[in-house]
Amino acid sequence: MRRSPFRIAVAGTHSTGKTTFLTRLKAVFEQRGLAVAYVHDSAVNAQDRGFPILAHHTFESTAWLMARAIELETEATLSADVVLVDRPVADALGYLQAALLHTSRSIPPARIQALERICEAWAPEYDLAFVTVLDPSVELGEGRDGDALFRARAAEAVTRVVDRVMPDRHLLRHGGADAALTFAIAAFDDQDRGA
């Protein structure tokens, strides 16, 4: 029977180094001859299908993003030694909470609780989790939403959700990618030796 792949998730607001970090980590694992699946953020796909995103997130767009992430992550386990997740399930809930605050909207508490239960149930699937720390002095990536207040609110909300459902998460600070890479590789090696 094939061993389950090692899953590494990176959560956080936009333009905080998630994709750059995971791209570097993917290259390191591939240099070792490992099969790596890289599960990307699906927000663009959600928007293409007509779902509102960012400050306009809804229950429906959040549920779709969570379901899509679970589908892609699960499919990746079929052939990968390592699954890298750019925006785990908890990220979507954090973005919804930030959007509701940002736009002074609300949804029934039962719907938020349903999404929270999904996050709680799925969080143990990740062997290692990071949450980025927003450095407002770092410029947004090209084509990114320029609303600095929403970006900050998303950072706070995502961190709150991740801290609750993945309390063993590690911080990924601007300028700290090298240390985080070393840590992630060591965590994989420790798990690999224990298999």
N, C-alpha and C. Protein backbone atom coordinates (compact mmCIF):
# COMPACT_ATOMS: atom_id res chain seq x y z
N MET A 1 0.84 -1.19 0.00
CA MET A 1 0.00 0.00 0.00
C MET A 1 0.88 1.25 0.00
N ARG A 2 0.53 2.21 -0.81
CA ARG A 2 1.29 3.45 -0.95
C ARG A 2 1.12 4.35 0.26
N ARG A 3 2.22 4.95 0.72
CA ARG A 3 2.17 5.87 1.85
C ARG A 3 1.45 7.16 1.44
N SER A 4 0.72 7.74 2.36
CA SER A 4 0.04 9.01 2.09
C SER A 4 1.07 10.09 1.82
N PRO A 5 0.78 10.99 0.90
CA PRO A 5 1.73 12.07 0.64
C PRO A 5 1.79 13.05 1.81
N PHE A 6 2.89 13.75 1.88
CA PHE A 6 3.10 14.78 2.90
C PHE A 6 2.44 16.05 2.38
N ARG A 7 1.56 16.64 3.18
CA ARG A 7 0.81 17.82 2.74
C ARG A 7 1.27 19.06 3.50
N ILE A 8 1.65 20.07 2.74
CA ILE A 8 2.08 21.35 3.31
C ILE A 8 1.15 22.43 2.81
N ALA A 9 0.55 23.16 3.73
CA ALA A 9 -0.40 24.22 3.38
C ALA A 9 0.17 25.58 3.79
N VAL A 10 -0.08 26.58 2.95
CA VAL A 10 0.32 27.95 3.26
C VAL A 10 -0.90 28.85 3.08
N ALA A 11 -1.31 29.49 4.18
CA ALA A 11 -2.46 30.38 4.19
C ALA A 11 -1.99 31.82 4.35
N GLY A 12 -2.86 32.76 4.04
CA GLY A 12 -2.53 34.16 4.25
C GLY A 12 -3.17 35.06 3.21
N THR A 13 -3.15 36.33 3.48
CA THR A 13 -3.72 37.29 2.56
C THR A 13 -2.88 37.39 1.29
N HIS A 14 -3.39 38.08 0.29
CA HIS A 14 -2.72 38.15 -1.00
C HIS A 14 -1.43 38.97 -0.94
N SER A 15 -0.49 38.56 -1.79
CA SER A 15 0.83 39.21 -1.92
C SER A 15 1.61 39.21 -0.61
N THR A 16 1.67 38.01 0.01
CA THR A 16 2.49 37.87 1.21
C THR A 16 3.54 36.77 1.06
N GLY A 17 3.77 36.31 -0.16
CA GLY A 17 4.86 35.37 -0.41
C GLY A 17 4.49 33.91 -0.44
N LYS A 18 3.21 33.57 -0.42
CA LYS A 18 2.80 32.16 -0.43
C LYS A 18 3.28 31.43 -1.68
N THR A 19 2.95 31.99 -2.82
CA THR A 19 3.27 31.32 -4.09
C THR A 19 4.77 31.26 -4.30
N THR A 20 5.49 32.32 -3.99
CA THR A 20 6.95 32.33 -4.13
C THR A 20 7.58 31.25 -3.27
N PHE A 21 7.13 31.16 -2.02
CA PHE A 21 7.65 30.15 -1.09
C PHE A 21 7.37 28.74 -1.60
N LEU A 22 6.12 28.49 -1.99
CA LEU A 22 5.76 27.15 -2.44
C LEU A 22 6.44 26.77 -3.75
N THR A 23 6.67 27.73 -4.62
CA THR A 23 7.39 27.45 -5.86
C THR A 23 8.82 27.02 -5.56
N ARG A 24 9.46 27.69 -4.62
CA ARG A 24 10.82 27.31 -4.22
C ARG A 24 10.84 25.93 -3.56
N LEU A 25 9.85 25.68 -2.71
CA LEU A 25 9.77 24.39 -2.03
C LEU A 25 9.53 23.27 -3.03
N LYS A 26 8.68 23.52 -4.00
CA LYS A 26 8.41 22.53 -5.05
C LYS A 26 9.70 22.16 -5.78
N ALA A 27 10.50 23.16 -6.11
CA ALA A 27 11.75 22.90 -6.82
C ALA A 27 12.70 22.05 -5.99
N VAL A 28 12.78 22.31 -4.70
CA VAL A 28 13.66 21.52 -3.82
C VAL A 28 13.21 20.07 -3.78
N PHE A 29 11.92 19.83 -3.60
CA PHE A 29 11.42 18.46 -3.54
C PHE A 29 11.60 17.75 -4.89
N GLU A 30 11.38 18.45 -5.98
CA GLU A 30 11.56 17.84 -7.30
C GLU A 30 13.01 17.50 -7.56
N GLN A 31 13.94 18.33 -7.08
CA GLN A 31 15.37 18.02 -7.22
C GLN A 31 15.73 16.73 -6.49
N ARG A 32 14.96 16.38 -5.49
CA ARG A 32 15.17 15.13 -4.75
C ARG A 32 14.51 13.94 -5.44
N GLY A 33 13.85 14.19 -6.57
CA GLY A 33 13.21 13.12 -7.32
C GLY A 33 11.81 12.77 -6.83
N LEU A 34 11.21 13.66 -6.05
CA LEU A 34 9.86 13.40 -5.54
C LEU A 34 8.80 13.93 -6.50
N ALA A 35 7.68 13.26 -6.52
CA ALA A 35 6.53 13.73 -7.30
C ALA A 35 5.79 14.76 -6.44
N VAL A 36 5.67 15.98 -6.98
CA VAL A 36 5.07 17.07 -6.22
C VAL A 36 3.82 17.57 -6.94
N ALA A 37 2.74 17.65 -6.20
CA ALA A 37 1.51 18.26 -6.72
C ALA A 37 1.38 19.62 -6.07
N TYR A 38 1.08 20.62 -6.88
CA TYR A 38 0.95 21.99 -6.39
C TYR A 38 -0.50 22.42 -6.60
N VAL A 39 -1.26 22.51 -5.53
CA VAL A 39 -2.66 22.89 -5.59
C VAL A 39 -2.75 24.40 -5.38
N HIS A 40 -3.17 25.10 -6.42
CA HIS A 40 -3.21 26.56 -6.41
C HIS A 40 -4.54 27.08 -5.90
N ASP A 41 -4.53 28.32 -5.55
CA ASP A 41 -5.73 29.08 -5.20
C ASP A 41 -6.72 28.99 -6.37
N SER A 42 -7.97 28.73 -6.05
CA SER A 42 -9.01 28.59 -7.08
C SER A 42 -9.89 29.82 -7.23
N ALA A 43 -9.52 30.94 -6.62
CA ALA A 43 -10.38 32.12 -6.65
C ALA A 43 -10.63 32.62 -8.07
N VAL A 44 -9.63 32.54 -8.93
CA VAL A 44 -9.81 32.98 -10.31
C VAL A 44 -10.85 32.09 -11.00
N ASN A 45 -10.78 30.77 -10.73
CA ASN A 45 -11.77 29.86 -11.31
C ASN A 45 -13.16 30.17 -10.78
N ALA A 46 -13.24 30.51 -9.48
CA ALA A 46 -14.53 30.86 -8.89
C ALA A 46 -15.10 32.10 -9.58
N GLN A 47 -14.26 33.09 -9.78
CA GLN A 47 -14.69 34.33 -10.43
C GLN A 47 -15.13 34.06 -11.87
N ASP A 48 -14.38 33.21 -12.58
CA ASP A 48 -14.74 32.86 -13.95
C ASP A 48 -16.11 32.19 -14.04
N ARG A 49 -16.48 31.49 -12.97
CA ARG A 49 -17.79 30.81 -12.95
C ARG A 49 -18.91 31.74 -12.49
N GLY A 50 -18.54 32.95 -12.07
CA GLY A 50 -19.55 33.93 -11.67
C GLY A 50 -19.67 34.14 -10.17
N PHE A 51 -18.82 33.48 -9.38
CA PHE A 51 -18.87 33.67 -7.94
C PHE A 51 -18.13 34.96 -7.56
N PRO A 52 -18.67 35.73 -6.62
CA PRO A 52 -17.96 36.92 -6.15
C PRO A 52 -16.79 36.51 -5.26
N ILE A 53 -15.69 37.26 -5.32
CA ILE A 53 -14.52 36.94 -4.51
C ILE A 53 -14.04 38.20 -3.80
N LEU A 54 -12.95 38.05 -3.07
CA LEU A 54 -12.33 39.11 -2.29
C LEU A 54 -13.36 39.78 -1.37
N ALA A 55 -13.50 41.09 -1.41
CA ALA A 55 -14.39 41.78 -0.48
C ALA A 55 -15.86 41.45 -0.73
N HIS A 56 -16.14 40.72 -1.79
CA HIS A 56 -17.53 40.39 -2.13
C HIS A 56 -17.86 38.92 -1.90
N HIS A 57 -16.94 38.20 -1.23
CA HIS A 57 -17.20 36.78 -0.92
C HIS A 57 -18.58 36.59 -0.32
N THR A 58 -19.18 35.47 -0.65
CA THR A 58 -20.48 35.09 -0.11
C THR A 58 -20.35 33.69 0.49
N PHE A 59 -21.39 33.25 1.15
CA PHE A 59 -21.41 31.87 1.64
C PHE A 59 -21.19 30.91 0.48
N GLU A 60 -21.89 31.15 -0.63
CA GLU A 60 -21.81 30.24 -1.77
C GLU A 60 -20.41 30.21 -2.39
N SER A 61 -19.79 31.37 -2.56
CA SER A 61 -18.45 31.38 -3.15
C SER A 61 -17.45 30.70 -2.21
N THR A 62 -17.63 30.89 -0.92
CA THR A 62 -16.74 30.28 0.06
C THR A 62 -16.92 28.77 0.08
N ALA A 63 -18.16 28.31 0.07
CA ALA A 63 -18.42 26.87 0.04
C ALA A 63 -17.84 26.25 -1.23
N TRP A 64 -17.98 26.93 -2.36
CA TRP A 64 -17.43 26.42 -3.61
C TRP A 64 -15.91 26.32 -3.53
N LEU A 65 -15.28 27.37 -3.00
CA LEU A 65 -13.82 27.35 -2.89
C LEU A 65 -13.34 26.23 -1.97
N MET A 66 -14.03 26.01 -0.87
CA MET A 66 -13.64 24.93 0.04
C MET A 66 -13.81 23.57 -0.63
N ALA A 67 -14.94 23.37 -1.27
CA ALA A 67 -15.19 22.09 -1.94
C ALA A 67 -14.17 21.85 -3.05
N ARG A 68 -13.85 22.89 -3.79
CA ARG A 68 -12.87 22.77 -4.88
C ARG A 68 -11.48 22.45 -4.33
N ALA A 69 -11.11 23.12 -3.23
CA ALA A 69 -9.80 22.84 -2.62
C ALA A 69 -9.73 21.39 -2.15
N ILE A 70 -10.77 20.92 -1.49
CA ILE A 70 -10.79 19.53 -1.02
C ILE A 70 -10.70 18.57 -2.19
N GLU A 71 -11.43 18.86 -3.26
CA GLU A 71 -11.38 18.00 -4.44
C GLU A 71 -9.97 17.95 -5.03
N LEU A 72 -9.37 19.11 -5.25
CA LEU A 72 -8.04 19.15 -5.86
C LEU A 72 -6.97 18.53 -4.97
N GLU A 73 -7.04 18.82 -3.68
CA GLU A 73 -6.05 18.25 -2.75
C GLU A 73 -6.18 16.73 -2.69
N THR A 74 -7.41 16.24 -2.66
CA THR A 74 -7.63 14.79 -2.59
C THR A 74 -7.17 14.11 -3.88
N GLU A 75 -7.47 14.71 -5.00
CA GLU A 75 -7.03 14.15 -6.28
C GLU A 75 -5.51 14.11 -6.36
N ALA A 76 -4.85 15.12 -5.82
CA ALA A 76 -3.39 15.18 -5.86
C ALA A 76 -2.74 14.04 -5.08
N THR A 77 -3.45 13.52 -4.08
CA THR A 77 -2.86 12.44 -3.27
C THR A 77 -2.71 11.14 -4.06
N LEU A 78 -3.38 11.03 -5.21
CA LEU A 78 -3.32 9.80 -5.98
C LEU A 78 -1.95 9.52 -6.58
N SER A 79 -1.18 10.60 -6.85
CA SER A 79 0.08 10.37 -7.56
C SER A 79 1.27 11.12 -6.97
N ALA A 80 1.08 11.89 -5.91
CA ALA A 80 2.17 12.73 -5.40
C ALA A 80 2.79 12.16 -4.13
N ASP A 81 4.07 12.47 -3.96
CA ASP A 81 4.76 12.20 -2.70
C ASP A 81 4.57 13.37 -1.74
N VAL A 82 4.43 14.57 -2.33
CA VAL A 82 4.25 15.80 -1.57
C VAL A 82 3.14 16.60 -2.23
N VAL A 83 2.22 17.11 -1.43
CA VAL A 83 1.16 17.99 -1.93
C VAL A 83 1.36 19.35 -1.28
N LEU A 84 1.56 20.36 -2.12
CA LEU A 84 1.73 21.74 -1.66
C LEU A 84 0.44 22.49 -1.92
N VAL A 85 -0.11 23.11 -0.88
CA VAL A 85 -1.41 23.75 -0.98
C VAL A 85 -1.27 25.25 -0.79
N ASP A 86 -1.52 25.98 -1.86
CA ASP A 86 -1.50 27.45 -1.85
C ASP A 86 -2.92 27.90 -1.56
N ARG A 87 -3.21 28.16 -0.32
CA ARG A 87 -4.52 28.54 0.22
C ARG A 87 -5.31 27.31 0.65
N PRO A 88 -5.11 26.86 1.88
CA PRO A 88 -5.90 25.73 2.38
C PRO A 88 -7.35 26.14 2.62
N VAL A 89 -8.15 25.18 2.97
CA VAL A 89 -9.58 25.39 3.16
C VAL A 89 -9.88 26.54 4.12
N ALA A 90 -9.13 26.65 5.20
CA ALA A 90 -9.37 27.69 6.20
C ALA A 90 -9.23 29.10 5.62
N ASP A 91 -8.43 29.24 4.58
CA ASP A 91 -8.22 30.54 3.94
C ASP A 91 -9.54 31.13 3.43
N ALA A 92 -10.36 30.28 2.83
CA ALA A 92 -11.62 30.75 2.26
C ALA A 92 -12.54 31.31 3.34
N LEU A 93 -12.58 30.63 4.48
CA LEU A 93 -13.43 31.13 5.57
C LEU A 93 -12.91 32.47 6.09
N GLY A 94 -11.60 32.61 6.21
CA GLY A 94 -11.04 33.89 6.64
C GLY A 94 -11.39 35.01 5.69
N TYR A 95 -11.31 34.74 4.40
CA TYR A 95 -11.67 35.76 3.40
C TYR A 95 -13.15 36.13 3.50
N LEU A 96 -14.01 35.15 3.74
CA LEU A 96 -15.43 35.46 3.90
C LEU A 96 -15.63 36.36 5.11
N GLN A 97 -15.02 36.02 6.23
CA GLN A 97 -15.19 36.82 7.43
C GLN A 97 -14.68 38.25 7.22
N ALA A 98 -13.55 38.38 6.54
CA ALA A 98 -13.03 39.72 6.23
C ALA A 98 -13.98 40.48 5.32
N ALA A 99 -14.54 39.80 4.33
CA ALA A 99 -15.46 40.44 3.38
C ALA A 99 -16.72 40.92 4.08
N LEU A 100 -17.25 40.10 4.99
CA LEU A 100 -18.45 40.50 5.71
C LEU A 100 -18.19 41.75 6.55
N LEU A 101 -17.07 41.78 7.24
CA LEU A 101 -16.70 42.95 8.03
C LEU A 101 -16.50 44.17 7.13
N HIS A 102 -15.78 43.96 6.05
CA HIS A 102 -15.41 45.06 5.15
C HIS A 102 -16.61 45.72 4.49
N THR A 103 -17.63 44.93 4.22
CA THR A 103 -18.80 45.45 3.51
C THR A 103 -20.03 45.58 4.41
N SER A 104 -19.84 45.43 5.71
CA SER A 104 -20.93 45.54 6.69
C SER A 104 -22.11 44.63 6.36
N ARG A 105 -21.79 43.42 5.92
CA ARG A 105 -22.83 42.43 5.63
C ARG A 105 -22.82 41.37 6.73
N SER A 106 -23.84 40.55 6.74
CA SER A 106 -23.85 39.41 7.64
C SER A 106 -24.55 38.26 6.94
N ILE A 107 -24.30 37.07 7.44
CA ILE A 107 -25.02 35.89 6.97
C ILE A 107 -25.46 35.13 8.22
N PRO A 108 -26.42 34.25 8.11
CA PRO A 108 -26.89 33.53 9.29
C PRO A 108 -25.73 32.78 9.99
N PRO A 109 -25.68 32.86 11.31
CA PRO A 109 -24.61 32.19 12.05
C PRO A 109 -24.50 30.70 11.73
N ALA A 110 -25.62 30.05 11.46
CA ALA A 110 -25.58 28.61 11.14
C ALA A 110 -24.76 28.34 9.89
N ARG A 111 -24.77 29.27 8.96
CA ARG A 111 -23.98 29.08 7.72
C ARG A 111 -22.49 29.23 8.02
N ILE A 112 -22.13 30.20 8.86
CA ILE A 112 -20.73 30.35 9.26
C ILE A 112 -20.29 29.10 10.01
N GLN A 113 -21.12 28.59 10.90
CA GLN A 113 -20.79 27.40 11.67
C GLN A 113 -20.60 26.19 10.77
N ALA A 114 -21.39 26.09 9.72
CA ALA A 114 -21.23 24.97 8.78
C ALA A 114 -19.86 25.03 8.11
N LEU A 115 -19.44 26.23 7.71
CA LEU A 115 -18.13 26.39 7.08
C LEU A 115 -17.01 26.13 8.10
N GLU A 116 -17.22 26.56 9.33
CA GLU A 116 -16.22 26.30 10.38
C GLU A 116 -16.04 24.80 10.60
N ARG A 117 -17.13 24.06 10.57
CA ARG A 117 -17.04 22.60 10.76
C ARG A 117 -16.24 21.94 9.64
N ILE A 118 -16.41 22.45 8.42
CA ILE A 118 -15.61 21.92 7.30
C ILE A 118 -14.13 22.18 7.57
N CYS A 119 -13.79 23.39 7.98
CA CYS A 119 -12.38 23.73 8.27
C CYS A 119 -11.82 22.84 9.37
N GLU A 120 -12.58 22.67 10.42
CA GLU A 120 -12.13 21.85 11.55
C GLU A 120 -11.91 20.40 11.12
N ALA A 121 -12.82 19.89 10.30
CA ALA A 121 -12.72 18.50 9.86
C ALA A 121 -11.55 18.28 8.90
N TRP A 122 -11.26 19.29 8.08
CA TRP A 122 -10.23 19.13 7.06
C TRP A 122 -8.82 19.46 7.56
N ALA A 123 -8.69 20.30 8.55
CA ALA A 123 -7.38 20.77 9.03
C ALA A 123 -6.40 19.64 9.36
N PRO A 124 -6.82 18.53 9.96
CA PRO A 124 -5.86 17.46 10.26
C PRO A 124 -5.23 16.79 9.04
N GLU A 125 -5.77 17.07 7.85
CA GLU A 125 -5.20 16.49 6.63
C GLU A 125 -3.83 17.09 6.31
N TYR A 126 -3.53 18.27 6.85
CA TYR A 126 -2.25 18.91 6.57
C TYR A 126 -1.21 18.45 7.59
N ASP A 127 -0.07 18.01 7.07
CA ASP A 127 1.03 17.58 7.95
C ASP A 127 1.80 18.78 8.49
N LEU A 128 1.80 19.86 7.74
CA LEU A 128 2.54 21.06 8.11
C LEU A 128 1.78 22.26 7.55
N ALA A 129 1.62 23.28 8.37
CA ALA A 129 0.89 24.47 7.93
C ALA A 129 1.66 25.73 8.30
N PHE A 130 1.62 26.68 7.39
CA PHE A 130 2.18 28.01 7.61
C PHE A 130 1.07 29.03 7.39
N VAL A 131 1.20 30.15 8.06
CA VAL A 131 0.35 31.31 7.78
C VAL A 131 1.30 32.49 7.61
N THR A 132 1.09 33.23 6.54
CA THR A 132 1.97 34.37 6.27
C THR A 132 1.64 35.53 7.19
N VAL A 133 2.64 36.35 7.41
CA VAL A 133 2.48 37.56 8.21
C VAL A 133 2.52 38.75 7.25
N LEU A 134 1.47 39.55 7.26
CA LEU A 134 1.40 40.69 6.35
C LEU A 134 2.43 41.75 6.72
N ASP A 135 3.22 42.13 5.74
CA ASP A 135 4.12 43.28 5.87
C ASP A 135 3.58 44.33 4.91
N PRO A 136 2.88 45.34 5.43
CA PRO A 136 2.23 46.32 4.54
C PRO A 136 3.21 47.10 3.66
N SER A 137 4.49 47.07 4.01
CA SER A 137 5.47 47.79 3.19
C SER A 137 5.81 47.05 1.90
N VAL A 138 5.45 45.76 1.82
CA VAL A 138 5.69 44.98 0.61
C VAL A 138 4.57 45.26 -0.38
N GLU A 139 4.96 45.68 -1.56
CA GLU A 139 3.97 46.05 -2.58
C GLU A 139 3.16 44.85 -3.04
N LEU A 140 1.96 45.14 -3.46
CA LEU A 140 1.09 44.12 -4.01
C LEU A 140 1.64 43.61 -5.34
N GLY A 141 1.39 42.33 -5.61
CA GLY A 141 1.78 41.79 -6.89
C GLY A 141 0.95 42.37 -8.00
N GLU A 142 1.45 42.27 -9.21
CA GLU A 142 0.76 42.83 -10.37
C GLU A 142 -0.62 42.21 -10.53
N GLY A 143 -1.61 43.06 -10.79
CA GLY A 143 -2.97 42.60 -11.00
C GLY A 143 -3.73 42.26 -9.74
N ARG A 144 -3.15 42.50 -8.58
CA ARG A 144 -3.80 42.18 -7.31
C ARG A 144 -4.75 43.29 -6.88
N ASP A 145 -5.73 42.93 -6.10
CA ASP A 145 -6.66 43.90 -5.55
C ASP A 145 -5.89 44.91 -4.72
N GLY A 146 -6.11 46.20 -4.96
CA GLY A 146 -5.33 47.24 -4.30
C GLY A 146 -5.93 47.80 -3.02
N ASP A 147 -6.97 47.20 -2.51
CA ASP A 147 -7.62 47.69 -1.30
C ASP A 147 -6.80 47.27 -0.08
N ALA A 148 -5.98 48.18 0.43
CA ALA A 148 -5.07 47.87 1.54
C ALA A 148 -5.82 47.50 2.81
N LEU A 149 -6.95 48.14 3.06
CA LEU A 149 -7.72 47.83 4.27
C LEU A 149 -8.27 46.41 4.19
N PHE A 150 -8.81 46.03 3.04
CA PHE A 150 -9.33 44.66 2.90
C PHE A 150 -8.19 43.65 3.02
N ARG A 151 -7.07 43.94 2.43
CA ARG A 151 -5.90 43.04 2.52
C ARG A 151 -5.53 42.81 3.99
N ALA A 152 -5.51 43.89 4.78
CA ALA A 152 -5.18 43.77 6.20
C ALA A 152 -6.26 42.99 6.95
N ARG A 153 -7.51 43.26 6.63
CA ARG A 153 -8.60 42.54 7.29
C ARG A 153 -8.55 41.05 6.93
N ALA A 154 -8.23 40.75 5.68
CA ALA A 154 -8.11 39.35 5.28
C ALA A 154 -6.96 38.67 6.02
N ALA A 155 -5.85 39.38 6.18
CA ALA A 155 -4.71 38.81 6.92
C ALA A 155 -5.12 38.47 8.35
N GLU A 156 -5.82 39.39 8.99
CA GLU A 156 -6.25 39.16 10.39
C GLU A 156 -7.25 38.01 10.48
N ALA A 157 -8.22 37.98 9.58
CA ALA A 157 -9.25 36.96 9.65
C ALA A 157 -8.70 35.58 9.31
N VAL A 158 -7.87 35.48 8.28
CA VAL A 158 -7.28 34.19 7.92
C VAL A 158 -6.43 33.68 9.08
N THR A 159 -5.64 34.56 9.68
CA THR A 159 -4.80 34.15 10.80
C THR A 159 -5.64 33.65 11.96
N ARG A 160 -6.74 34.33 12.26
CA ARG A 160 -7.63 33.89 13.35
C ARG A 160 -8.17 32.48 13.08
N VAL A 161 -8.63 32.25 11.86
CA VAL A 161 -9.19 30.94 11.52
C VAL A 161 -8.10 29.87 11.59
N VAL A 162 -6.96 30.15 10.99
CA VAL A 162 -5.87 29.17 10.99
C VAL A 162 -5.40 28.89 12.42
N ASP A 163 -5.26 29.92 13.23
CA ASP A 163 -4.84 29.72 14.62
C ASP A 163 -5.80 28.81 15.38
N ARG A 164 -7.08 28.91 15.05
CA ARG A 164 -8.07 28.09 15.74
C ARG A 164 -8.09 26.65 15.25
N VAL A 165 -8.05 26.46 13.94
CA VAL A 165 -8.20 25.08 13.41
C VAL A 165 -6.87 24.38 13.18
N MET A 166 -5.78 25.14 13.10
CA MET A 166 -4.44 24.56 12.91
C MET A 166 -3.48 25.20 13.91
N PRO A 167 -3.67 24.93 15.20
CA PRO A 167 -2.87 25.63 16.21
C PRO A 167 -1.37 25.38 16.14
N ASP A 168 -0.97 24.32 15.46
CA ASP A 168 0.46 24.02 15.32
C ASP A 168 1.09 24.69 14.12
N ARG A 169 0.37 25.63 13.52
CA ARG A 169 0.88 26.32 12.32
C ARG A 169 2.15 27.10 12.66
N HIS A 170 2.90 27.42 11.62
CA HIS A 170 4.14 28.19 11.76
C HIS A 170 3.98 29.49 10.99
N LEU A 171 4.63 30.53 11.47
CA LEU A 171 4.54 31.83 10.80
C LEU A 171 5.55 31.90 9.67
N LEU A 172 5.12 32.48 8.57
CA LEU A 172 5.99 32.72 7.43
C LEU A 172 6.06 34.23 7.23
N ARG A 173 7.16 34.81 7.68
CA ARG A 173 7.33 36.26 7.63
C ARG A 173 8.08 36.66 6.37
N HIS A 174 7.85 37.91 5.94
CA HIS A 174 8.62 38.45 4.81
C HIS A 174 10.09 38.39 5.18
N GLY A 175 10.89 37.82 4.31
CA GLY A 175 12.32 37.67 4.57
C GLY A 175 12.66 36.39 5.33
N GLY A 176 11.65 35.61 5.69
CA GLY A 176 11.90 34.39 6.46
C GLY A 176 11.73 33.11 5.67
N ALA A 177 11.69 33.22 4.35
CA ALA A 177 11.42 32.04 3.52
C ALA A 177 12.53 30.99 3.61
N ASP A 178 13.78 31.41 3.71
CA ASP A 178 14.87 30.42 3.78
C ASP A 178 14.74 29.54 5.01
N ALA A 179 14.47 30.16 6.16
CA ALA A 179 14.30 29.38 7.39
C ALA A 179 13.08 28.47 7.29
N ALA A 180 12.00 28.98 6.69
CA ALA A 180 10.79 28.17 6.55
C ALA A 180 11.02 27.00 5.60
N LEU A 181 11.80 27.21 4.54
CA LEU A 181 12.15 26.11 3.62
C LEU A 181 12.91 25.03 4.35
N THR A 182 13.91 25.44 5.12
CA THR A 182 14.72 24.47 5.88
C THR A 182 13.83 23.69 6.84
N PHE A 183 12.93 24.40 7.51
CA PHE A 183 12.03 23.76 8.46
C PHE A 183 11.11 22.76 7.76
N ALA A 184 10.54 23.15 6.63
CA ALA A 184 9.62 22.27 5.90
C ALA A 184 10.33 21.02 5.41
N ILE A 185 11.52 21.17 4.90
CA ILE A 185 12.28 20.01 4.41
C ILE A 185 12.61 19.08 5.57
N ALA A 186 13.01 19.64 6.70
CA ALA A 186 13.32 18.82 7.88
C ALA A 186 12.07 18.09 8.37
N ALA A 187 10.92 18.76 8.33
CA ALA A 187 9.67 18.12 8.76
C ALA A 187 9.33 16.95 7.84
N PHE A 188 9.51 17.14 6.53
CA PHE A 188 9.28 16.05 5.59
C PHE A 188 10.24 14.90 5.86
N ASP A 189 11.52 15.21 6.04
CA ASP A 189 12.52 14.17 6.29
C ASP A 189 12.22 13.39 7.58
N ASP A 190 11.78 14.09 8.61
CA ASP A 190 11.42 13.43 9.87
C ASP A 190 10.25 12.48 9.67
N GLN A 191 9.25 12.94 8.92
CA GLN A 191 8.08 12.08 8.64
C GLN A 191 8.49 10.91 7.79
N ASP A 192 9.37 11.15 6.81
CA ASP A 192 9.81 10.10 5.89
C ASP A 192 10.58 9.02 6.63
N ARG A 193 11.42 9.43 7.58
CA ARG A 193 12.18 8.45 8.37
C ARG A 193 11.27 7.64 9.27
N GLY A 194 10.18 8.28 9.71
CA GLY A 194 9.25 7.58 10.61
C GLY A 194 8.29 6.65 9.90
N ALA A 195 8.25 6.73 8.56
CA ALA A 195 7.30 5.89 7.80
C ALA A 195 7.69 4.44 7.78
